[in-house]
Amino acid sequence: MLSEIVRKIDRGERLDVADGLALFETRDLLGLFALADRLKEARHGDRVYFNRNLRVEVTNVCEASCLFCSFAKLEEGHPGARTLALEEAWRELEQRLDDPPTEIHIVNGLHPGLPFSYYEDLLRGFKRIAPEVHLKCFTAVELHFFARHYGMRHAEVLDRLVSAGLGSLPGGGAEIFHPEVRERICADKATADEWLEVHRIAHRLGLRSNATMLYGHIETFAHRVDHLARLRALQDETGGFQAFIPLAFHPDGNGMRNLPAPTAMDDLRTLAVSRLFLDSFDHVKAYWVSLGPDVAQIALACGADDIDGTIVHETIYSAAGSSSPSGLTKAELVRLIQEAGRRPVERDTLYRVLEEHPRVAVPEASVKVRDRKARRHLDVLV
């Protein structure tokens, strides 16, 4: 089964939905990973990208009730509900001006009580503090909510936010497009068609964006392939997507807490299939916050060419029980990539290279002495 897909790829033919399903179902996982890594190497060589970014969630108040979400609170004043004053949000950047990020990434709940000017002022304030910083803000779900809630067209929402400093869109809110799943896990927010339309309009306006897929809950492999196929079709139309980021479902503290989280093998399988199927996407990201740094590092041999960034302050996955740290330093990201045998490349949001680090020899493991007898023996030797 896998051998025929290899021949198809070698002939330069595009994989179809049946091929995508076969890749998810193959038992030859090592072959799958090697094939995805080969295609990644053909595009990017041994390069793995990362950036210095700052994650800010200004409000977790949200009128939607997604079953998988551990972050949102339905109303202001509910236990755990939090909305930052603009000065509090800006302080997140001001406190890091000694080593400023190149990107601010903002994702929020759908707060029905804030004026649209709050979001415009938010962006303008960040730009006043650091005019060069790139603002990657507001998912398509948020932007659709803005249009509906404030009585504007999608293009008008985007035009006003671009005037305030918006530079690109994150990929969140895609979840799973198929209605069999979407209507069960997030029925009261933007539909798949609405999510895709927001990105279509953004691309026409010259904005670049990312795309995601939330996997490992109630969806099937067929639902995953359908999701990837819809993303690929829009990319064929607009060319505006930069990266695809599979997001692993985390069950703690939400309406699907009875489900297990996806395994590391499913994480790696999903990344590899994504690299093979999404032939028109330049980048596939191993999002270390979702996967954990260890699995993200392994994913760099399974088709992923990006490991995201420093993050600094992440709350959405931590609310869902992720054991990943809230941030990593630049040095830690460089080490993760180098020890995976790859070349770390710091990029900006638009994948322009800022600094290329060397590929180094993989360091030998340090000696770890676990008992007193062995330690005394080592002392004698040295």
Protein backbone atom coordinates (compact mmCIF):
# COMPACT_ATOMS: atom_id res chain seq x y z
CA MET A 1 0.00 0.00 0.00
CA LEU A 2 2.71 2.48 1.00
CA SER A 3 4.93 1.43 -1.91
CA GLU A 4 2.31 2.50 -4.45
CA ILE A 5 2.03 5.90 -2.80
CA VAL A 6 5.81 6.23 -2.89
CA ARG A 7 5.75 5.51 -6.64
CA LYS A 8 2.97 8.08 -7.08
CA ILE A 9 5.00 10.73 -5.26
CA ASP A 10 8.11 9.85 -7.26
CA ARG A 11 6.12 10.38 -10.46
CA GLY A 12 5.14 13.84 -9.22
CA GLU A 13 1.46 12.97 -8.88
CA ARG A 14 -0.77 14.54 -6.26
CA LEU A 15 -2.18 12.31 -3.52
CA ASP A 16 -5.95 11.98 -3.44
CA VAL A 17 -8.36 11.41 -0.55
CA ALA A 18 -8.02 7.63 -0.82
CA ASP A 19 -4.23 7.98 -0.58
CA GLY A 20 -4.57 10.20 2.47
CA LEU A 21 -6.75 7.63 4.21
CA ALA A 22 -4.32 4.86 3.28
CA LEU A 23 -1.46 6.83 4.84
CA PHE A 24 -3.36 7.24 8.09
CA GLU A 25 -4.17 3.52 8.13
CA THR A 26 -0.75 2.15 7.20
CA ARG A 27 1.05 -0.06 9.70
CA ASP A 28 4.41 0.85 8.18
CA LEU A 29 4.88 3.87 10.40
CA LEU A 30 8.64 3.97 10.04
CA GLY A 31 8.22 4.00 6.27
CA LEU A 32 5.62 6.76 6.58
CA PHE A 33 7.91 8.86 8.74
CA ALA A 34 10.87 8.34 6.40
CA LEU A 35 8.79 9.31 3.37
CA ALA A 36 7.54 12.50 5.03
CA ASP A 37 11.06 13.35 6.13
CA ARG A 38 12.29 12.87 2.55
CA LEU A 39 9.74 15.38 1.26
CA LYS A 40 10.62 17.80 4.04
CA GLU A 41 14.33 17.50 3.18
CA ALA A 42 13.57 18.13 -0.50
CA ARG A 43 11.93 21.45 0.44
CA HIS A 44 14.06 22.69 3.33
CA GLY A 45 17.15 20.52 3.61
CA ASP A 46 18.21 20.16 7.24
CA ARG A 47 16.71 23.52 8.26
CA VAL A 48 14.19 23.77 11.10
CA TYR A 49 12.57 27.12 11.75
CA PHE A 50 11.64 28.89 14.98
CA ASN A 51 10.92 32.44 16.08
CA ARG A 52 10.93 34.66 19.15
CA ASN A 53 7.25 35.19 19.82
CA LEU A 54 5.10 36.34 22.70
CA ARG A 55 1.69 34.80 23.27
CA VAL A 56 -0.98 37.07 24.79
CA GLU A 57 -4.59 36.08 25.50
CA VAL A 58 -6.39 39.29 26.49
CA THR A 59 -9.72 37.69 27.36
CA ASN A 60 -11.01 34.20 28.02
CA VAL A 61 -14.66 35.33 28.17
CA CYS A 62 -16.42 33.54 25.32
CA GLU A 63 -20.02 33.17 24.24
CA ALA A 64 -19.24 29.87 22.47
CA SER A 65 -19.33 26.56 24.33
CA CYS A 66 -16.88 24.26 22.55
CA LEU A 67 -16.73 20.84 24.20
CA PHE A 68 -12.95 20.58 23.86
CA CYS A 69 -12.13 23.98 25.38
CA SER A 70 -10.71 24.33 28.89
CA PHE A 71 -9.79 27.99 28.40
CA ALA A 72 -13.07 29.85 27.92
CA LYS A 73 -15.45 31.22 30.55
CA LEU A 74 -18.98 32.00 29.48
CA GLU A 75 -19.43 35.35 31.22
CA GLU A 76 -17.46 38.17 32.76
CA GLY A 77 -17.49 37.69 36.52
CA HIS A 78 -17.58 33.89 36.41
CA PRO A 79 -14.82 32.16 38.40
CA GLY A 80 -11.65 32.27 36.35
CA ALA A 81 -12.98 34.82 33.85
CA ARG A 82 -10.32 37.35 32.91
CA THR A 83 -10.13 40.32 30.57
CA LEU A 84 -6.99 42.43 30.55
CA ALA A 85 -7.08 46.18 30.63
CA LEU A 86 -5.18 47.53 27.65
CA GLU A 87 -2.36 48.70 29.90
CA GLU A 88 -2.02 45.16 31.32
CA ALA A 89 -1.77 43.67 27.84
CA TRP A 90 0.81 46.22 26.70
CA ARG A 91 2.84 45.56 29.85
CA GLU A 92 3.44 41.98 28.63
CA LEU A 93 5.56 43.48 25.84
CA GLU A 94 7.05 46.32 27.85
CA GLN A 95 8.50 43.84 30.34
CA ARG A 96 10.40 42.09 27.54
CA LEU A 97 11.95 45.01 25.69
CA ASP A 98 15.44 43.95 26.81
CA ASP A 99 15.03 40.96 24.45
CA PRO A 100 11.97 41.86 22.41
CA PRO A 101 10.00 39.28 20.45
CA THR A 102 9.64 39.67 16.71
CA GLU A 103 6.00 38.53 16.88
CA ILE A 104 3.01 38.95 19.18
CA HIS A 105 0.45 36.17 18.82
CA ILE A 106 -3.02 36.99 20.16
CA VAL A 107 -5.93 34.54 20.44
CA ASN A 108 -8.99 35.19 22.60
CA GLY A 109 -12.47 34.14 23.53
CA LEU A 110 -15.51 35.66 21.82
CA HIS A 111 -16.33 38.40 24.33
CA PRO A 112 -19.75 39.96 23.62
CA GLY A 113 -19.21 42.93 25.94
CA LEU A 114 -16.15 44.64 24.49
CA PRO A 115 -16.30 47.43 21.90
CA PHE A 116 -14.49 46.85 18.62
CA SER A 117 -12.29 49.83 19.45
CA TYR A 118 -10.76 47.75 22.28
CA TYR A 119 -9.08 45.49 19.68
CA GLU A 120 -8.00 48.39 17.48
CA ASP A 121 -6.50 50.23 20.46
CA LEU A 122 -4.83 47.01 21.60
CA LEU A 123 -2.93 46.67 18.33
CA ARG A 124 -2.06 50.35 18.10
CA GLY A 125 -0.66 50.25 21.61
CA PHE A 126 1.67 47.36 20.82
CA LYS A 127 2.87 49.20 17.74
CA ARG A 128 3.57 52.34 19.76
CA ILE A 129 5.75 50.32 22.11
CA ALA A 130 7.59 48.37 19.40
CA PRO A 131 6.82 49.62 15.88
CA GLU A 132 8.76 46.76 14.26
CA VAL A 133 6.92 43.94 16.02
CA HIS A 134 4.68 41.75 13.83
CA LEU A 135 1.12 41.31 15.09
CA LYS A 136 -0.32 37.87 14.29
CA CYS A 137 -3.72 38.21 15.88
CA PHE A 138 -7.30 36.92 15.98
CA THR A 139 -8.46 33.61 14.57
CA ALA A 140 -10.96 33.38 11.74
CA VAL A 141 -13.56 32.45 14.35
CA GLU A 142 -12.86 35.72 16.20
CA LEU A 143 -12.93 37.73 12.99
CA HIS A 144 -16.25 36.18 11.95
CA PHE A 145 -17.60 36.96 15.42
CA PHE A 146 -16.44 40.58 15.06
CA ALA A 147 -18.24 40.91 11.73
CA ARG A 148 -21.48 39.44 13.06
CA HIS A 149 -21.41 41.11 16.48
CA TYR A 150 -20.40 44.60 15.33
CA GLY A 151 -22.39 44.60 12.09
CA MET A 152 -19.51 44.70 9.60
CA ARG A 153 -18.38 42.73 6.59
CA HIS A 154 -15.33 40.49 6.98
CA ALA A 155 -13.29 42.73 4.70
CA GLU A 156 -14.21 45.81 6.73
CA VAL A 157 -13.14 44.10 9.95
CA LEU A 158 -9.81 43.15 8.40
CA ASP A 159 -9.25 46.59 6.85
CA ARG A 160 -9.75 48.32 10.20
CA LEU A 161 -7.48 45.90 12.04
CA VAL A 162 -4.77 46.19 9.39
CA SER A 163 -4.95 49.97 9.79
CA ALA A 164 -4.37 49.41 13.52
CA GLY A 165 -1.31 47.21 12.91
CA LEU A 166 -2.50 43.67 12.11
CA GLY A 167 0.15 41.78 10.11
CA SER A 168 -1.18 38.23 9.65
CA LEU A 169 -3.66 35.68 10.99
CA PRO A 170 -3.09 32.66 13.22
CA GLY A 171 -4.71 29.40 12.19
CA GLY A 172 -6.83 28.57 15.22
CA GLY A 173 -10.52 27.76 15.26
CA ALA A 174 -10.44 25.33 12.35
CA GLU A 175 -10.93 22.32 14.66
CA ILE A 176 -12.45 19.66 12.34
CA PHE A 177 -14.35 20.95 9.32
CA HIS A 178 -16.67 18.01 8.71
CA PRO A 179 -20.20 18.81 9.96
CA GLU A 180 -20.60 15.38 11.56
CA VAL A 181 -17.92 16.39 14.04
CA ARG A 182 -18.16 20.17 14.08
CA GLU A 183 -21.83 20.18 15.03
CA ARG A 184 -21.05 17.98 18.02
CA ILE A 185 -17.98 19.75 19.39
CA CYS A 186 -18.40 23.45 18.47
CA ALA A 187 -21.82 24.07 16.94
CA ASP A 188 -22.20 27.66 18.15
CA LYS A 189 -19.26 29.32 16.43
CA ALA A 190 -18.09 29.89 12.85
CA THR A 191 -18.79 27.03 10.45
CA ALA A 192 -16.13 25.44 8.28
CA ASP A 193 -17.26 27.50 5.28
CA GLU A 194 -17.16 30.70 7.33
CA TRP A 195 -13.66 29.89 8.64
CA LEU A 196 -12.44 29.25 5.11
CA GLU A 197 -14.11 32.40 3.77
CA VAL A 198 -12.38 34.62 6.34
CA HIS A 199 -9.00 33.24 5.26
CA ARG A 200 -9.97 33.57 1.59
CA ILE A 201 -10.75 37.26 2.09
CA ALA A 202 -7.60 37.81 4.17
CA HIS A 203 -5.47 36.26 1.43
CA ARG A 204 -7.12 38.46 -1.21
CA LEU A 205 -6.25 41.49 0.92
CA GLY A 206 -2.60 40.42 0.95
CA LEU A 207 -2.49 38.93 4.45
CA ARG A 208 -0.77 35.63 5.07
CA SER A 209 -2.19 33.12 7.55
CA ASN A 210 -1.74 29.71 9.10
CA ALA A 211 -4.10 26.74 9.31
CA THR A 212 -4.74 24.18 12.02
CA MET A 213 -6.59 20.93 12.73
CA LEU A 214 -7.61 19.71 16.18
CA TYR A 215 -7.22 15.93 16.15
CA GLY A 216 -7.43 12.99 18.52
CA HIS A 217 -10.96 13.30 19.95
CA ILE A 218 -14.14 11.98 18.25
CA GLU A 219 -13.09 12.39 14.62
CA THR A 220 -12.12 9.56 12.29
CA PHE A 221 -9.19 9.36 9.89
CA ALA A 222 -11.66 10.11 7.10
CA HIS A 223 -12.65 13.35 8.85
CA ARG A 224 -8.98 14.32 9.09
CA VAL A 225 -8.39 13.73 5.39
CA ASP A 226 -11.52 15.71 4.51
CA HIS A 227 -10.16 18.59 6.61
CA LEU A 228 -6.77 18.48 4.91
CA ALA A 229 -8.41 18.33 1.48
CA ARG A 230 -10.45 21.47 2.15
CA LEU A 231 -7.36 23.35 3.30
CA ARG A 232 -5.42 22.21 0.25
CA ALA A 233 -8.21 23.36 -2.06
CA LEU A 234 -8.18 26.86 -0.57
CA GLN A 235 -4.39 26.98 -0.77
CA ASP A 236 -4.61 26.03 -4.44
CA GLU A 237 -7.01 28.94 -4.92
CA THR A 238 -5.20 31.67 -2.95
CA GLY A 239 -1.68 30.55 -2.01
CA GLY A 240 -2.02 32.52 1.22
CA PHE A 241 -1.35 29.87 3.85
CA GLN A 242 2.17 29.78 5.27
CA ALA A 243 2.10 26.82 7.64
CA PHE A 244 -0.12 23.98 8.77
CA ILE A 245 -0.19 23.14 12.48
CA PRO A 246 -1.84 19.93 13.71
CA LEU A 247 -3.07 20.52 17.27
CA ALA A 248 -3.34 17.55 19.63
CA PHE A 249 -6.52 17.38 21.71
CA HIS A 250 -5.97 17.66 25.47
CA PRO A 251 -8.87 16.42 27.63
CA ASP A 252 -8.38 17.93 31.07
CA GLY A 253 -10.99 20.37 32.33
CA ASN A 254 -13.37 20.31 29.38
CA GLY A 255 -16.52 18.62 28.11
CA MET A 256 -14.60 15.71 26.56
CA ARG A 257 -12.57 14.87 29.65
CA ASN A 258 -13.67 11.24 29.41
CA LEU A 259 -11.65 10.78 26.21
CA PRO A 260 -7.96 9.89 26.17
CA ALA A 261 -5.47 12.27 24.64
CA PRO A 262 -3.84 11.16 21.36
CA THR A 263 -0.69 9.10 21.73
CA ALA A 264 2.74 10.21 20.59
CA MET A 265 2.49 7.79 17.67
CA ASP A 266 -0.74 9.40 16.52
CA ASP A 267 0.91 12.82 16.86
CA LEU A 268 3.77 11.76 14.61
CA ARG A 269 1.47 9.96 12.15
CA THR A 270 -0.68 13.07 11.77
CA LEU A 271 2.31 15.31 11.15
CA ALA A 272 3.75 12.92 8.58
CA VAL A 273 0.49 12.51 6.66
CA SER A 274 0.00 16.27 6.69
CA ARG A 275 3.43 16.82 5.12
CA LEU A 276 2.68 14.30 2.39
CA PHE A 277 -0.88 15.39 1.61
CA LEU A 278 -0.48 19.18 1.85
CA ASP A 279 1.86 19.49 -1.10
CA SER A 280 1.00 23.16 -1.63
CA PHE A 281 1.92 24.17 1.95
CA ASP A 282 5.52 25.23 2.46
CA HIS A 283 5.67 24.52 6.18
CA VAL A 284 4.33 21.94 8.63
CA LYS A 285 4.79 22.87 12.26
CA ALA A 286 5.44 20.62 15.25
CA TYR A 287 3.82 22.88 17.85
CA TRP A 288 5.82 22.02 20.96
CA VAL A 289 3.18 23.41 23.35
CA SER A 290 0.66 20.88 22.06
CA LEU A 291 3.03 17.95 21.59
CA GLY A 292 5.48 18.57 24.39
CA PRO A 293 9.09 19.45 23.55
CA ASP A 294 10.19 15.79 23.42
CA VAL A 295 7.62 14.65 20.84
CA ALA A 296 8.07 17.89 18.87
CA GLN A 297 11.79 17.12 18.67
CA ILE A 298 11.09 13.63 17.28
CA ALA A 299 8.62 15.14 14.81
CA LEU A 300 11.54 16.91 13.14
CA ALA A 301 12.39 13.49 11.65
CA CYS A 302 8.78 12.88 10.56
CA GLY A 303 8.14 15.75 8.15
CA ALA A 304 7.97 18.84 10.36
CA ASP A 305 10.25 21.77 9.52
CA ASP A 306 9.12 24.24 12.20
CA ILE A 307 8.89 23.95 15.99
CA ASP A 308 7.15 27.31 16.66
CA GLY A 309 8.78 29.77 19.04
CA THR A 310 9.58 30.98 22.50
CA ILE A 311 5.85 31.54 23.29
CA VAL A 312 6.72 33.00 26.74
CA HIS A 313 3.17 33.00 28.09
CA GLU A 314 0.68 30.33 26.99
CA THR A 315 -2.60 29.62 28.82
CA ILE A 316 -4.92 27.72 26.45
CA TYR A 317 -3.11 24.37 26.47
CA SER A 318 -2.03 24.74 30.09
CA ALA A 319 -5.72 25.05 31.03
CA ALA A 320 -6.32 21.72 29.27
CA GLY A 321 -3.68 19.90 31.29
CA SER A 322 -0.63 20.23 29.07
CA SER A 323 2.57 19.53 30.96
CA SER A 324 4.62 21.61 28.51
CA PRO A 325 6.35 24.66 29.94
CA SER A 326 4.70 28.03 29.31
CA GLY A 327 7.72 29.12 27.30
CA LEU A 328 11.15 28.12 26.04
CA THR A 329 14.21 30.29 25.58
CA LYS A 330 15.90 30.79 22.25
CA ALA A 331 18.85 28.74 23.52
CA GLU A 332 16.55 25.87 24.47
CA LEU A 333 14.92 25.84 21.05
CA VAL A 334 18.31 25.88 19.33
CA ARG A 335 19.43 22.94 21.46
CA LEU A 336 16.26 20.92 20.73
CA ILE A 337 16.80 21.37 17.01
CA GLN A 338 20.55 20.74 17.05
CA GLU A 339 20.20 17.56 19.09
CA ALA A 340 17.68 16.35 16.50
CA GLY A 341 20.52 16.62 14.00
CA ARG A 342 19.05 19.65 12.25
CA ARG A 343 20.09 23.22 11.55
CA PRO A 344 18.21 25.84 13.63
CA VAL A 345 17.02 28.86 11.67
CA GLU A 346 15.48 31.83 13.44
CA ARG A 347 12.82 33.38 11.23
CA ASP A 348 10.34 36.21 11.41
CA THR A 349 6.60 35.61 11.07
CA LEU A 350 6.79 35.66 7.26
CA TYR A 351 9.64 33.11 7.23
CA ARG A 352 12.37 35.58 6.39
CA VAL A 353 15.63 34.31 7.86
CA LEU A 354 17.00 36.36 10.76
CA GLU A 355 19.80 34.10 11.97
CA GLU A 356 21.05 30.68 10.92
CA HIS A 357 22.73 28.56 13.57
CA PRO A 358 25.17 25.77 12.76
CA ARG A 359 24.30 22.12 12.61
CA VAL A 360 26.45 20.50 15.28
CA ALA A 361 27.60 17.03 16.13
CA VAL A 362 25.07 15.35 18.40
CA PRO A 363 26.58 15.51 21.90
CA GLU A 364 27.32 12.33 23.77
CA ALA A 365 25.18 11.66 26.82
CA SER A 366 26.76 12.82 30.06
CA VAL A 367 27.67 10.21 32.68
CA LYS A 368 24.96 9.94 35.35
CA VAL A 369 25.94 8.22 38.59
CA ARG A 370 22.86 7.05 40.47
CA ASP A 371 24.19 5.27 43.58
CA ARG A 372 26.84 5.93 46.18
CA LYS A 373 28.92 2.87 45.39
CA ALA A 374 29.21 3.82 41.72
CA ARG A 375 29.97 7.41 42.67
CA ARG A 376 32.81 6.30 44.99
CA HIS A 377 34.16 4.11 42.20
CA LEU A 378 34.09 7.04 39.79
CA ASP A 379 35.87 9.23 42.34
CA VAL A 380 38.69 6.67 42.52
CA LEU A 381 38.98 6.59 38.75
CA VAL A 382 39.29 10.34 38.41
